Amino acid sequence: MRTILILISTFLFLSLTACSAYKIDIQQGNTIEADKLNQLKAGMSKQQVQFLMGTAMLIDPFHPQRWEYVYSFRKGGEDIMKRKRVTLTFKDGVLAKIDKSQFKEKTFN
């Protein structure tokens, strides 16, 4: 009887140690694709940019001429976050400036 109890206890212990919380990948924002970004040209209208890139993640109400496309990714179970960012500036309704300086993937802890 004691042997059976020990075997059952051991089996339960080993089966429960395999249980852990599953942590999913967290993906937020606009997926920024390099080929679409390379198609952007100064002089494009807001509608053309939105058709190509999608809706901007951030449009500041105080600076509506500046559109921010932000993408972040965190792998499940890791503390490291990867982030990309592109800022588009419009003047008189047409694309005037493309800031890709933060497009390269940055890693944050």
PDB file of N, CA and C in Angstrom:
ATOM      1  N   MET A   1       0.821  -1.190   0.000  1.00  0.00           N
ATOM      2  CA  MET A   1       0.000   0.000   0.000  1.00  0.00           C
ATOM      3  C   MET A   1       0.868   1.258   0.000  1.00  0.00           C
ATOM      4  N   ARG A   2       1.903   1.191   0.809  1.00  0.00           N
ATOM      5  CA  ARG A   2       2.791   2.342   0.899  1.00  0.00           C
ATOM      6  C   ARG A   2       3.519   2.562  -0.422  1.00  0.00           C
ATOM      7  N   THR A   3       3.906   1.497  -1.097  1.00  0.00           N
ATOM      8  CA  THR A   3       4.591   1.589  -2.382  1.00  0.00           C
ATOM      9  C   THR A   3       3.686   2.232  -3.434  1.00  0.00           C
ATOM     10  N   ILE A   4       2.426   1.851  -3.434  1.00  0.00           N
ATOM     11  CA  ILE A   4       1.474   2.429  -4.384  1.00  0.00           C
ATOM     12  C   ILE A   4       1.305   3.921  -4.119  1.00  0.00           C
ATOM     13  N   LEU A   5       1.224   4.298  -2.853  1.00  0.00           N
ATOM     14  CA  LEU A   5       1.081   5.706  -2.487  1.00  0.00           C
ATOM     15  C   LEU A   5       2.299   6.516  -2.935  1.00  0.00           C
ATOM     16  N   ILE A   6       3.480   5.949  -2.781  1.00  0.00           N
ATOM     17  CA  ILE A   6       4.713   6.626  -3.205  1.00  0.00           C
ATOM     18  C   ILE A   6       4.736   6.766  -4.727  1.00  0.00           C
ATOM     19  N   LEU A   7       4.334   5.719  -5.450  1.00  0.00           N
ATOM     20  CA  LEU A   7       4.307   5.777  -6.910  1.00  0.00           C
ATOM     21  C   LEU A   7       3.308   6.817  -7.409  1.00  0.00           C
ATOM     22  N   ILE A   8       2.134   6.845  -6.803  1.00  0.00           N
ATOM     23  CA  ILE A   8       1.125   7.829  -7.197  1.00  0.00           C
ATOM     24  C   ILE A   8       1.609   9.245  -6.893  1.00  0.00           C
ATOM     25  N   SER A   9       2.212   9.439  -5.735  1.00  0.00           N
ATOM     26  CA  SER A   9       2.729  10.759  -5.362  1.00  0.00           C
ATOM     27  C   SER A   9       3.826  11.208  -6.325  1.00  0.00           C
ATOM     28  N   THR A  10       4.716  10.291  -6.676  1.00  0.00           N
ATOM     29  CA  THR A  10       5.798  10.605  -7.605  1.00  0.00           C
ATOM     30  C   THR A  10       5.238  10.958  -8.984  1.00  0.00           C
ATOM     31  N   PHE A  11       4.272  10.171  -9.453  1.00  0.00           N
ATOM     32  CA  PHE A  11       3.654  10.442 -10.751  1.00  0.00           C
ATOM     33  C   PHE A  11       2.972  11.808 -10.761  1.00  0.00           C
ATOM     34  N   LEU A  12       2.223  12.125  -9.720  1.00  0.00           N
ATOM     35  CA  LEU A  12       1.547  13.420  -9.637  1.00  0.00           C
ATOM     36  C   LEU A  12       2.549  14.570  -9.581  1.00  0.00           C
ATOM     37  N   PHE A  13       3.610  14.379  -8.812  1.00  0.00           N
ATOM     38  CA  PHE A  13       4.636  15.419  -8.702  1.00  0.00           C
ATOM     39  C   PHE A  13       5.281  15.688 -10.064  1.00  0.00           C
ATOM     40  N   LEU A  14       5.649  14.619 -10.777  1.00  0.00           N
ATOM     41  CA  LEU A  14       6.298  14.786 -12.078  1.00  0.00           C
ATOM     42  C   LEU A  14       5.354  15.371 -13.123  1.00  0.00           C
ATOM     43  N   SER A  15       4.097  14.993 -13.075  1.00  0.00           N
ATOM     44  CA  SER A  15       3.155  15.521 -14.066  1.00  0.00           C
ATOM     45  C   SER A  15       2.817  16.985 -13.795  1.00  0.00           C
ATOM     46  N   LEU A  16       2.781  17.398 -12.546  1.00  0.00           N
ATOM     47  CA  LEU A  16       2.458  18.785 -12.223  1.00  0.00           C
ATOM     48  C   LEU A  16       3.623  19.735 -12.462  1.00  0.00           C
ATOM     49  N   THR A  17       4.849  19.237 -12.416  1.00  0.00           N
ATOM     50  CA  THR A  17       5.994  20.119 -12.663  1.00  0.00           C
ATOM     51  C   THR A  17       6.063  20.539 -14.124  1.00  0.00           C
ATOM     52  N   ALA A  18       5.436  19.784 -15.010  1.00  0.00           N
ATOM     53  CA  ALA A  18       5.410  20.151 -16.425  1.00  0.00           C
ATOM     54  C   ALA A  18       4.402  21.263 -16.700  1.00  0.00           C
ATOM     55  N   CYS A  19       3.534  21.540 -15.760  1.00  0.00           N
ATOM     56  CA  CYS A  19       2.517  22.570 -15.950  1.00  0.00           C
ATOM     57  C   CYS A  19       3.109  23.947 -15.666  1.00  0.00           C
ATOM     58  N   SER A  20       2.950  24.834 -16.614  1.00  0.00           N
ATOM     59  CA  SER A  20       3.347  26.223 -16.405  1.00  0.00           C
ATOM     60  C   SER A  20       2.448  27.097 -17.266  1.00  0.00           C
ATOM     61  N   ALA A  21       2.417  28.357 -16.960  1.00  0.00           N
ATOM     62  CA  ALA A  21       1.573  29.283 -17.712  1.00  0.00           C
ATOM     63  C   ALA A  21       2.172  29.506 -19.095  1.00  0.00           C
ATOM     64  N   TYR A  22       1.346  29.435 -20.103  1.00  0.00           N
ATOM     65  CA  TYR A  22       1.778  29.712 -21.470  1.00  0.00           C
ATOM     66  C   TYR A  22       1.728  31.216 -21.694  1.00  0.00           C
ATOM     67  N   LYS A  23       2.815  31.764 -22.171  1.00  0.00           N
ATOM     68  CA  LYS A  23       2.884  33.203 -22.420  1.00  0.00           C
ATOM     69  C   LYS A  23       2.926  33.426 -23.921  1.00  0.00           C
ATOM     70  N   ILE A  24       1.949  34.165 -24.409  1.00  0.00           N
ATOM     71  CA  ILE A  24       1.835  34.388 -25.844  1.00  0.00           C
ATOM     72  C   ILE A  24       2.730  35.537 -26.299  1.00  0.00           C
ATOM     73  N   ASP A  25       3.017  35.538 -27.600  1.00  0.00           N
ATOM     74  CA  ASP A  25       3.740  36.658 -28.201  1.00  0.00           C
ATOM     75  C   ASP A  25       2.806  37.860 -28.243  1.00  0.00           C
ATOM     76  N   ILE A  26       3.337  39.035 -27.930  1.00  0.00           N
ATOM     77  CA  ILE A  26       2.535  40.258 -27.942  1.00  0.00           C
ATOM     78  C   ILE A  26       3.028  41.143 -29.081  1.00  0.00           C
ATOM     79  N   GLN A  27       2.139  41.377 -30.025  1.00  0.00           N
ATOM     80  CA  GLN A  27       2.445  42.180 -31.202  1.00  0.00           C
ATOM     81  C   GLN A  27       1.469  43.343 -31.218  1.00  0.00           C
ATOM     82  N   GLN A  28       1.995  44.569 -31.250  1.00  0.00           N
ATOM     83  CA  GLN A  28       1.134  45.749 -31.195  1.00  0.00           C
ATOM     84  C   GLN A  28       1.528  46.751 -32.268  1.00  0.00           C
ATOM     85  N   GLY A  29       0.531  47.471 -32.738  1.00  0.00           N
ATOM     86  CA  GLY A  29       0.781  48.562 -33.674  1.00  0.00           C
ATOM     87  C   GLY A  29       0.662  48.149 -35.120  1.00  0.00           C
ATOM     88  N   ASN A  30       1.247  48.972 -35.977  1.00  0.00           N
ATOM     89  CA  ASN A  30       1.222  48.754 -37.422  1.00  0.00           C
ATOM     90  C   ASN A  30       2.422  47.907 -37.826  1.00  0.00           C
ATOM     91  N   THR A  31       2.179  46.869 -38.594  1.00  0.00           N
ATOM     92  CA  THR A  31       3.297  46.124 -39.164  1.00  0.00           C
ATOM     93  C   THR A  31       3.902  47.001 -40.253  1.00  0.00           C
ATOM     94  N   ILE A  32       5.149  47.364 -40.070  1.00  0.00           N
ATOM     95  CA  ILE A  32       5.817  48.279 -41.006  1.00  0.00           C
ATOM     96  C   ILE A  32       6.699  47.442 -41.922  1.00  0.00           C
ATOM     97  N   GLU A  33       6.330  47.381 -43.183  1.00  0.00           N
ATOM     98  CA  GLU A  33       7.076  46.594 -44.155  1.00  0.00           C
ATOM     99  C   GLU A  33       8.001  47.505 -44.955  1.00  0.00           C
ATOM    100  N   ALA A  34       9.240  47.060 -45.125  1.00  0.00           N
ATOM    101  CA  ALA A  34      10.252  47.882 -45.794  1.00  0.00           C
ATOM    102  C   ALA A  34       9.876  48.181 -47.242  1.00  0.00           C
ATOM    103  N   ASP A  35       9.274  47.219 -47.942  1.00  0.00           N
ATOM    104  CA  ASP A  35       8.937  47.472 -49.347  1.00  0.00           C
ATOM    105  C   ASP A  35       7.858  48.550 -49.482  1.00  0.00           C
ATOM    106  N   LYS A  36       6.896  48.570 -48.567  1.00  0.00           N
ATOM    107  CA  LYS A  36       5.873  49.625 -48.600  1.00  0.00           C
ATOM    108  C   LYS A  36       6.475  50.971 -48.199  1.00  0.00           C
ATOM    109  N   LEU A  37       7.382  50.932 -47.249  1.00  0.00           N
ATOM    110  CA  LEU A  37       8.036  52.162 -46.809  1.00  0.00           C
ATOM    111  C   LEU A  37       8.862  52.770 -47.942  1.00  0.00           C
ATOM    112  N   ASN A  38       9.487  51.911 -48.734  1.00  0.00           N
ATOM    113  CA  ASN A  38      10.290  52.396 -49.863  1.00  0.00           C
ATOM    114  C   ASN A  38       9.434  52.973 -50.985  1.00  0.00           C
ATOM    115  N   GLN A  39       8.148  52.636 -51.022  1.00  0.00           N
ATOM    116  CA  GLN A  39       7.247  53.179 -52.042  1.00  0.00           C
ATOM    117  C   GLN A  39       6.760  54.585 -51.700  1.00  0.00           C
ATOM    118  N   LEU A  40       6.953  55.009 -50.450  1.00  0.00           N
ATOM    119  CA  LEU A  40       6.532  56.356 -50.053  1.00  0.00           C
ATOM    120  C   LEU A  40       7.411  57.398 -50.735  1.00  0.00           C
ATOM    121  N   LYS A  41       6.777  58.414 -51.264  1.00  0.00           N
ATOM    122  CA  LYS A  41       7.500  59.507 -51.924  1.00  0.00           C
ATOM    123  C   LYS A  41       6.926  60.835 -51.459  1.00  0.00           C
ATOM    124  N   ALA A  42       7.792  61.822 -51.341  1.00  0.00           N
ATOM    125  CA  ALA A  42       7.325  63.168 -51.007  1.00  0.00           C
ATOM    126  C   ALA A  42       6.362  63.634 -52.089  1.00  0.00           C
ATOM    127  N   GLY A  43       5.292  64.301 -51.664  1.00  0.00           N
ATOM    128  CA  GLY A  43       4.292  64.788 -52.600  1.00  0.00           C
ATOM    129  C   GLY A  43       3.047  63.914 -52.669  1.00  0.00           C
ATOM    130  N   MET A  44       3.074  62.747 -52.014  1.00  0.00           N
ATOM    131  CA  MET A  44       1.889  61.880 -51.995  1.00  0.00           C
ATOM    132  C   MET A  44       0.820  62.498 -51.095  1.00  0.00           C
ATOM    133  N   SER A  45      -0.437  62.272 -51.427  1.00  0.00           N
ATOM    134  CA  SER A  45      -1.534  62.789 -50.603  1.00  0.00           C
ATOM    135  C   SER A  45      -1.720  61.903 -49.367  1.00  0.00           C
ATOM    136  N   LYS A  46      -2.463  62.412 -48.385  1.00  0.00           N
ATOM    137  CA  LYS A  46      -2.738  61.638 -47.175  1.00  0.00           C
ATOM    138  C   LYS A  46      -3.491  60.353 -47.514  1.00  0.00           C
ATOM    139  N   GLN A  47      -4.397  60.422 -48.479  1.00  0.00           N
ATOM    140  CA  GLN A  47      -5.163  59.244 -48.876  1.00  0.00           C
ATOM    141  C   GLN A  47      -4.258  58.182 -49.497  1.00  0.00           C
ATOM    142  N   GLN A  48      -3.302  58.601 -50.309  1.00  0.00           N
ATOM    143  CA  GLN A  48      -2.370  57.654 -50.922  1.00  0.00           C
ATOM    144  C   GLN A  48      -1.502  56.988 -49.858  1.00  0.00           C
ATOM    145  N   VAL A  49      -1.042  57.777 -48.894  1.00  0.00           N
ATOM    146  CA  VAL A  49      -0.209  57.237 -47.821  1.00  0.00           C
ATOM    147  C   VAL A  49      -1.014  56.253 -46.982  1.00  0.00           C
ATOM    148  N   GLN A  50      -2.234  56.610 -46.652  1.00  0.00           N
ATOM    149  CA  GLN A  50      -3.070  55.733 -45.837  1.00  0.00           C
ATOM    150  C   GLN A  50      -3.403  54.445 -46.588  1.00  0.00           C
ATOM    151  N   PHE A  51      -3.610  54.514 -47.887  1.00  0.00           N
ATOM    152  CA  PHE A  51      -3.869  53.320 -48.687  1.00  0.00           C
ATOM    153  C   PHE A  51      -2.660  52.394 -48.668  1.00  0.00           C
ATOM    154  N   LEU A  52      -1.471  52.969 -48.746  1.00  0.00           N
ATOM    155  CA  LEU A  52      -0.237  52.189 -48.804  1.00  0.00           C
ATOM    156  C   LEU A  52       0.171  51.642 -47.440  1.00  0.00           C
ATOM    157  N   MET A  53       0.139  52.487 -46.414  1.00  0.00           N
ATOM    158  CA  MET A  53       0.668  52.122 -45.093  1.00  0.00           C
ATOM    159  C   MET A  53      -0.404  51.680 -44.095  1.00  0.00           C
ATOM    160  N   GLY A  54      -1.650  52.026 -44.350  1.00  0.00           N
ATOM    161  CA  GLY A  54      -2.702  51.757 -43.375  1.00  0.00           C
ATOM    162  C   GLY A  54      -2.887  52.972 -42.480  1.00  0.00           C
ATOM    163  N   THR A  55      -3.822  52.850 -41.548  1.00  0.00           N
ATOM    164  CA  THR A  55      -4.100  53.951 -40.631  1.00  0.00           C
ATOM    165  C   THR A  55      -2.942  54.123 -39.660  1.00  0.00           C
ATOM    166  N   ALA A  56      -2.536  55.351 -39.429  1.00  0.00           N
ATOM    167  CA  ALA A  56      -1.425  55.631 -38.513  1.00  0.00           C
ATOM    168  C   ALA A  56      -1.799  55.240 -37.091  1.00  0.00           C
ATOM    169  N   MET A  57      -0.819  54.766 -36.347  1.00  0.00           N
ATOM    170  CA  MET A  57      -1.039  54.383 -34.954  1.00  0.00           C
ATOM    171  C   MET A  57      -1.308  55.612 -34.094  1.00  0.00           C
ATOM    172  N   LEU A  58      -0.553  56.667 -34.337  1.00  0.00           N
ATOM    173  CA  LEU A  58      -0.696  57.892 -33.551  1.00  0.00           C
ATOM    174  C   LEU A  58      -0.838  59.103 -34.469  1.00  0.00           C
ATOM    175  N   ILE A  59      -1.904  59.848 -34.266  1.00  0.00           N
ATOM    176  CA  ILE A  59      -2.059  61.155 -34.909  1.00  0.00           C
ATOM    177  C   ILE A  59      -2.350  62.126 -33.775  1.00  0.00           C
ATOM    178  N   ASP A  60      -1.361  62.922 -33.448  1.00  0.00           N
ATOM    179  CA  ASP A  60      -1.459  63.863 -32.335  1.00  0.00           C
ATOM    180  C   ASP A  60      -2.472  64.953 -32.668  1.00  0.00           C
ATOM    181  N   PRO A  61      -3.465  65.180 -31.800  1.00  0.00           N
ATOM    182  CA  PRO A  61      -4.451  66.223 -32.093  1.00  0.00           C
ATOM    183  C   PRO A  61      -3.839  67.627 -32.152  1.00  0.00           C
ATOM    184  N   PHE A  62      -2.685  67.816 -31.512  1.00  0.00           N
ATOM    185  CA  PHE A  62      -2.028  69.120 -31.542  1.00  0.00           C
ATOM    186  C   PHE A  62      -1.108  69.275 -32.754  1.00  0.00           C
ATOM    187  N   HIS A  63      -0.741  68.147 -33.377  1.00  0.00           N
ATOM    188  CA  HIS A  63       0.105  68.149 -34.577  1.00  0.00           C
ATOM    189  C   HIS A  63      -0.488  67.170 -35.594  1.00  0.00           C
ATOM    190  N   PRO A  64      -1.664  67.479 -36.144  1.00  0.00           N
ATOM    191  CA  PRO A  64      -2.317  66.524 -37.049  1.00  0.00           C
ATOM    192  C   PRO A  64      -1.555  66.297 -38.356  1.00  0.00           C
ATOM    193  N   GLN A  65      -0.561  67.117 -38.621  1.00  0.00           N
ATOM    194  CA  GLN A  65       0.228  66.937 -39.833  1.00  0.00           C
ATOM    195  C   GLN A  65       1.331  65.885 -39.641  1.00  0.00           C
ATOM    196  N   ARG A  66       1.452  65.340 -38.430  1.00  0.00           N
ATOM    197  CA  ARG A  66       2.482  64.330 -38.145  1.00  0.00           C
ATOM    198  C   ARG A  66       1.806  62.997 -37.832  1.00  0.00           C
ATOM    199  N   TRP A  67       2.131  61.972 -38.610  1.00  0.00           N
ATOM    200  CA  TRP A  67       1.585  60.635 -38.404  1.00  0.00           C
ATOM    201  C   TRP A  67       2.701  59.716 -37.921  1.00  0.00           C
ATOM    202  N   GLU A  68       2.393  58.935 -36.892  1.00  0.00           N
ATOM    203  CA  GLU A  68       3.366  58.000 -36.321  1.00  0.00           C
ATOM    204  C   GLU A  68       2.915  56.565 -36.598  1.00  0.00           C
ATOM    205  N   TYR A  69       3.799  55.788 -37.180  1.00  0.00           N
ATOM    206  CA  TYR A  69       3.572  54.358 -37.366  1.00  0.00           C
ATOM    207  C   TYR A  69       4.526  53.641 -36.419  1.00  0.00           C
ATOM    208  N   VAL A  70       3.960  52.935 -35.445  1.00  0.00           N
ATOM    209  CA  VAL A  70       4.755  52.294 -34.396  1.00  0.00           C
ATOM    210  C   VAL A  70       4.425  50.809 -34.380  1.00  0.00           C
ATOM    211  N   TYR A  71       5.459  49.985 -34.233  1.00  0.00           N
ATOM    212  CA  TYR A  71       5.277  48.536 -34.136  1.00  0.00           C
ATOM    213  C   TYR A  71       6.147  48.022 -32.999  1.00  0.00           C
ATOM    214  N   SER A  72       5.572  47.194 -32.135  1.00  0.00           N
ATOM    215  CA  SER A  72       6.365  46.578 -31.073  1.00  0.00           C
ATOM    216  C   SER A  72       6.036  45.093 -30.995  1.00  0.00           C
ATOM    217  N   PHE A  73       7.033  44.314 -30.594  1.00  0.00           N
ATOM    218  CA  PHE A  73       6.886  42.864 -30.510  1.00  0.00           C
ATOM    219  C   PHE A  73       7.623  42.368 -29.272  1.00  0.00           C
ATOM    220  N   ARG A  74       6.929  41.561 -28.492  1.00  0.00           N
ATOM    221  CA  ARG A  74       7.544  40.922 -27.325  1.00  0.00           C
ATOM    222  C   ARG A  74       7.251  39.433 -27.411  1.00  0.00           C
ATOM    223  N   LYS A  75       8.311  38.638 -27.450  1.00  0.00           N
ATOM    224  CA  LYS A  75       8.177  37.184 -27.487  1.00  0.00           C
ATOM    225  C   LYS A  75       7.687  36.709 -26.136  1.00  0.00           C
ATOM    226  N   GLY A  76       6.758  35.764 -26.140  1.00  0.00           N
ATOM    227  CA  GLY A  76       6.191  35.236 -24.905  1.00  0.00           C
ATOM    228  C   GLY A  76       7.260  34.682 -23.981  1.00  0.00           C
ATOM    229  N   GLY A  77       7.203  35.063 -22.730  1.00  0.00           N
ATOM    230  CA  GLY A  77       8.152  34.576 -21.738  1.00  0.00           C
ATOM    231  C   GLY A  77       9.464  35.333 -21.696  1.00  0.00           C
ATOM    232  N   GLU A  78       9.656  36.320 -22.547  1.00  0.00           N
ATOM    233  CA  GLU A  78      10.894  37.103 -22.548  1.00  0.00           C
ATOM    234  C   GLU A  78      10.594  38.535 -22.132  1.00  0.00           C
ATOM    235  N   ASP A  79      11.587  39.191 -21.571  1.00  0.00           N
ATOM    236  CA  ASP A  79      11.420  40.578 -21.147  1.00  0.00           C
ATOM    237  C   ASP A  79      11.902  41.570 -22.202  1.00  0.00           C
ATOM    238  N   ILE A  80      12.382  41.064 -23.314  1.00  0.00           N
ATOM    239  CA  ILE A  80      12.946  41.931 -24.346  1.00  0.00           C
ATOM    240  C   ILE A  80      11.855  42.331 -25.336  1.00  0.00           C
ATOM    241  N   MET A  81      11.736  43.643 -25.577  1.00  0.00           N
ATOM    242  CA  MET A  81      10.760  44.163 -26.541  1.00  0.00           C
ATOM    243  C   MET A  81      11.501  44.769 -27.724  1.00  0.00           C
ATOM    244  N   LYS A  82      11.041  44.438 -28.932  1.00  0.00           N
ATOM    245  CA  LYS A  82      11.609  45.002 -30.150  1.00  0.00           C
ATOM    246  C   LYS A  82      10.629  46.029 -30.686  1.00  0.00           C
ATOM    247  N   ARG A  83      11.149  47.172 -31.107  1.00  0.00           N
ATOM    248  CA  ARG A  83      10.274  48.274 -31.517  1.00  0.00           C
ATOM    249  C   ARG A  83      10.805  48.946 -32.784  1.00  0.00           C
ATOM    250  N   LYS A  84       9.862  49.308 -33.669  1.00  0.00           N
ATOM    251  CA  LYS A  84      10.167  50.073 -34.885  1.00  0.00           C
ATOM    252  C   LYS A  84       9.237  51.274 -34.913  1.00  0.00           C
ATOM    253  N   ARG A  85       9.711  52.358 -35.535  1.00  0.00           N
ATOM    254  CA  ARG A  85       8.891  53.574 -35.585  1.00  0.00           C
ATOM    255  C   ARG A  85       9.238  54.377 -36.839  1.00  0.00           C
ATOM    256  N   VAL A  86       8.193  54.872 -37.498  1.00  0.00           N
ATOM    257  CA  VAL A  86       8.348  55.734 -38.673  1.00  0.00           C
ATOM    258  C   VAL A  86       7.453  56.944 -38.465  1.00  0.00           C
ATOM    259  N   THR A  87       7.986  58.129 -38.711  1.00  0.00           N
ATOM    260  CA  THR A  87       7.216  59.366 -38.581  1.00  0.00           C
ATOM    261  C   THR A  87       7.085  60.019 -39.952  1.00  0.00           C
ATOM    262  N   LEU A  88       5.838  60.308 -40.323  1.00  0.00           N
ATOM    263  CA  LEU A  88       5.561  60.981 -41.592  1.00  0.00           C
ATOM    264  C   LEU A  88       5.011  62.363 -41.295  1.00  0.00           C
ATOM    265  N   THR A  89       5.545  63.369 -41.972  1.00  0.00           N
ATOM    266  CA  THR A  89       5.098  64.747 -41.770  1.00  0.00           C
ATOM    267  C   THR A  89       4.499  65.273 -43.072  1.00  0.00           C
ATOM    268  N   PHE A  90       3.335  65.878 -42.938  1.00  0.00           N
ATOM    269  CA  PHE A  90       2.619  66.431 -44.089  1.00  0.00           C
ATOM    270  C   PHE A  90       2.651  67.954 -44.036  1.00  0.00           C
ATOM    271  N   LYS A  91       2.616  68.561 -45.205  1.00  0.00           N
ATOM    272  CA  LYS A  91       2.496  70.018 -45.300  1.00  0.00           C
ATOM    273  C   LYS A  91       1.483  70.300 -46.406  1.00  0.00           C
ATOM    274  N   ASP A  92       0.444  71.037 -46.054  1.00  0.00           N
ATOM    275  CA  ASP A  92      -0.639  71.363 -46.986  1.00  0.00           C
ATOM    276  C   ASP A  92      -1.274  70.105 -47.589  1.00  0.00           C
ATOM    277  N   GLY A  93      -1.385  69.050 -46.778  1.00  0.00           N
ATOM    278  CA  GLY A  93      -2.070  67.831 -47.210  1.00  0.00           C
ATOM    279  C   GLY A  93      -1.247  66.863 -48.030  1.00  0.00           C
ATOM    280  N   VAL A  94       0.041  67.173 -48.250  1.00  0.00           N
ATOM    281  CA  VAL A  94       0.897  66.254 -49.004  1.00  0.00           C
ATOM    282  C   VAL A  94       2.108  65.868 -48.157  1.00  0.00           C
ATOM    283  N   LEU A  95       2.640  64.691 -48.424  1.00  0.00           N
ATOM    284  CA  LEU A  95       3.770  64.168 -47.660  1.00  0.00           C
ATOM    285  C   LEU A  95       5.009  65.016 -47.914  1.00  0.00           C
ATOM    286  N   ALA A  96       5.578  65.551 -46.832  1.00  0.00           N
ATOM    287  CA  ALA A  96       6.739  66.428 -46.957  1.00  0.00           C
ATOM    288  C   ALA A  96       8.016  65.767 -46.439  1.00  0.00           C
ATOM    289  N   LYS A  97       7.911  64.942 -45.380  1.00  0.00           N
ATOM    290  CA  LYS A  97       9.111  64.382 -44.761  1.00  0.00           C
ATOM    291  C   LYS A  97       8.833  62.965 -44.282  1.00  0.00           C
ATOM    292  N   ILE A  98       9.805  62.076 -44.495  1.00  0.00           N
ATOM    293  CA  ILE A  98       9.727  60.688 -44.038  1.00  0.00           C
ATOM    294  C   ILE A  98      10.908  60.460 -43.106  1.00  0.00           C
ATOM    295  N   ASP A  99      10.627  60.227 -41.831  1.00  0.00           N
ATOM    296  CA  ASP A  99      11.685  59.991 -40.841  1.00  0.00           C
ATOM    297  C   ASP A  99      11.758  58.497 -40.549  1.00  0.00           C
ATOM    298  N   LYS A 100      12.776  57.838 -41.136  1.00  0.00           N
ATOM    299  CA  LYS A 100      12.985  56.404 -40.936  1.00  0.00           C
ATOM    300  C   LYS A 100      14.105  56.130 -39.938  1.00  0.00           C
ATOM    301  N   SER A 101      14.540  57.134 -39.209  1.00  0.00           N
ATOM    302  CA  SER A 101      15.697  56.970 -38.324  1.00  0.00           C
ATOM    303  C   SER A 101      15.468  55.920 -37.243  1.00  0.00           C
ATOM    304  N   GLN A 102      14.212  55.682 -36.864  1.00  0.00           N
ATOM    305  CA  GLN A 102      13.920  54.680 -35.838  1.00  0.00           C
ATOM    306  C   GLN A 102      13.280  53.435 -36.440  1.00  0.00           C
ATOM    307  N   PHE A 103      13.421  53.254 -37.770  1.00  0.00           N
ATOM    308  CA  PHE A 103      12.839  52.081 -38.417  1.00  0.00           C
ATOM    309  C   PHE A 103      13.622  50.828 -38.098  1.00  0.00           C
ATOM    310  N   LYS A 104      14.927  50.962 -37.939  1.00  0.00           N
ATOM    311  CA  LYS A 104      15.724  49.791 -37.583  1.00  0.00           C
ATOM    312  C   LYS A 104      15.251  49.288 -36.230  1.00  0.00           C
ATOM    313  N   GLU A 105      15.226  47.975 -36.106  1.00  0.00           N
ATOM    314  CA  GLU A 105      14.691  47.359 -34.899  1.00  0.00           C
ATOM    315  C   GLU A 105      15.530  47.735 -33.682  1.00  0.00           C
ATOM    316  N   LYS A 106      14.868  48.280 -32.661  1.00  0.00           N
ATOM    317  CA  LYS A 106      15.531  48.617 -31.408  1.00  0.00           C
ATOM    318  C   LYS A 106      15.057  47.645 -30.348  1.00  0.00           C
ATOM    319  N   THR A 107      15.951  47.290 -29.448  1.00  0.00           N
ATOM    320  CA  THR A 107      15.615  46.329 -28.403  1.00  0.00           C
ATOM    321  C   THR A 107      15.615  47.024 -27.059  1.00  0.00           C
ATOM    322  N   PHE A 108      14.555  46.784 -26.286  1.00  0.00           N
ATOM    323  CA  PHE A 108      14.414  47.363 -24.953  1.00  0.00           C
ATOM    324  C   PHE A 108      14.217  46.251 -23.941  1.00  0.00           C
ATOM    325  N   ASN A 109      14.725  46.469 -22.747  1.00  0.00           N
ATOM    326  CA  ASN A 109      14.490  45.514 -21.647  1.00  0.00           C
ATOM    327  C   ASN A 109      13.389  45.995 -20.765  1.00  0.00           C
TER     328      ASN A 109
END
